[in-house]
Every structure is written in structure tokens, then in C-alpha cells.
């Protein structure tokens, strides 16, 4: 099944991936520098940004996560967007 998605789908997905990258790096840094207040503030800012981006993405294009971690509308939305290996 081939999906034709609007450019905004890919733009928002890229932005989510960029924020996820920052969160992974900050997590690794904080594992070895747990008292770095500035890094903790950055982590919390990016975590909040990710929550907002994910909510916008899911509202527009459907769920990002499965197994009850994201809601879906009717009909089942998982088949409406490309699979991860198709992006």
C-alpha cells in the first residue's frame, strides 16, 4: 500500500526526530552529570516541546505510538500513514 502524505507530515516528523535526538543526548549527558541544573532545564524544555509536537502531529496525522500509548480515531488510523521504513 503506497501513501501520499502532505509535505507537512514529513516536516513535522523531522522536527520530532530532531527533538528526540536532543533528548537522547541530554539523557546520556545527565546520566553522568545528574546535578547540572542547566542541562535539566534544557531536558525539561525539550520534553515539553516534544509533548506539544507529538500532540499536534497525532491530531493531524494519527497516532505515533501503539499498544495504548496513543489514541486513535475511527476508523483505525495505523493504516493511514506510511510505515517507518516507508518514510
Protein backbone atom coordinates (compact mmCIF):
# COMPACT_ATOMS: atom_id res chain seq x y z
CA UNK A 1 0.00 0.00 0.00
CA UNK A 2 1.51 3.33 -1.03
CA UNK A 3 0.74 6.50 0.88
CA UNK A 4 0.95 10.03 -0.45
CA UNK A 5 1.42 12.33 2.51
CA UNK A 6 1.48 16.13 2.53
CA UNK A 7 4.83 17.87 2.97
CA UNK A 8 3.76 18.94 6.49
CA UNK A 9 3.77 15.26 7.54
CA UNK A 10 7.47 14.95 6.74
CA UNK A 11 8.33 18.39 8.16
CA UNK A 12 6.66 17.63 11.47
CA UNK A 13 8.14 14.13 11.61
CA UNK A 14 11.64 15.54 11.03
CA UNK A 15 11.11 18.10 13.78
CA UNK A 16 10.06 15.32 16.16
CA UNK A 17 13.14 13.31 15.23
CA UNK A 18 15.39 16.32 15.88
CA UNK A 19 13.84 16.90 19.31
CA UNK A 20 14.14 13.17 20.10
CA UNK A 21 17.85 13.33 19.21
CA UNK A 22 18.38 16.25 21.62
CA UNK A 23 16.51 14.37 24.36
CA UNK A 24 18.63 11.25 23.88
CA UNK A 25 21.84 13.29 24.05
CA UNK A 26 20.69 15.20 27.13
CA UNK A 27 19.67 11.93 28.79
CA UNK A 28 23.12 10.45 28.19
CA UNK A 29 24.78 13.62 29.48
CA UNK A 30 22.58 13.75 32.58
CA UNK A 31 23.37 10.12 33.36
CA UNK A 32 26.93 11.26 34.08
CA UNK A 33 26.17 14.84 35.21
CA UNK A 34 22.99 14.50 37.31
CA UNK A 35 23.44 17.81 39.13
CA UNK A 36 23.73 20.02 36.03
CA UNK A 37 20.78 22.36 36.56
CA UNK A 38 21.08 23.96 33.13
CA UNK A 39 21.01 20.57 31.37
CA UNK A 40 17.98 19.53 33.44
CA UNK A 41 16.20 22.74 32.42
CA UNK A 42 17.04 22.06 28.77
CA UNK A 43 15.83 18.48 29.08
CA UNK A 44 12.52 19.62 30.56
CA UNK A 45 12.08 22.29 27.85
CA UNK A 46 12.66 19.74 25.09
CA UNK A 47 10.43 17.16 26.80
CA UNK A 48 7.62 19.71 26.87
CA UNK A 49 8.30 20.72 23.27
CA UNK A 50 8.15 17.06 22.24
CA UNK A 51 4.82 16.58 24.01
CA UNK A 52 3.33 19.53 22.12
CA UNK A 53 4.80 18.47 18.77
CA UNK A 54 3.59 14.89 19.23
CA UNK A 55 0.09 16.07 20.17
CA UNK A 56 -0.07 18.29 17.06
CA UNK A 57 1.25 15.51 14.85
CA UNK A 58 -1.21 12.95 16.22
CA UNK A 59 -4.12 15.34 15.86
CA UNK A 60 -3.22 15.94 12.23
CA UNK A 61 -1.94 12.54 11.08
CA UNK A 62 -2.85 9.92 13.67
CA UNK A 63 -1.01 8.02 16.39
CA UNK A 64 2.76 7.89 16.76
CA UNK A 65 2.85 5.02 19.27
CA UNK A 66 0.95 1.77 19.59
CA UNK A 67 -0.03 -0.56 22.42
CA UNK A 68 -2.22 2.03 24.13
CA UNK A 69 0.35 4.81 24.26
CA UNK A 70 -1.55 6.90 21.68
CA UNK A 71 -5.23 7.24 20.93
CA UNK A 72 -6.81 6.57 17.55
CA UNK A 73 -9.97 7.78 15.88
CA UNK A 74 -12.42 5.66 13.94
CA UNK A 75 -11.59 4.05 11.59
CA UNK A 76 -8.32 2.52 12.81
CA UNK A 77 -5.62 5.03 11.82
CA UNK A 78 -2.49 2.89 11.75
CA UNK A 79 -3.04 2.06 8.10
CA UNK A 80 -3.40 5.73 7.06
CA UNK A 81 0.24 6.78 7.31
CA UNK A 82 3.42 5.26 5.91
CA UNK A 83 5.18 2.57 7.91
CA UNK A 84 8.50 3.71 9.45
CA UNK A 85 10.54 2.04 6.68
CA UNK A 86 8.48 3.86 4.03
CA UNK A 87 9.39 7.36 5.27
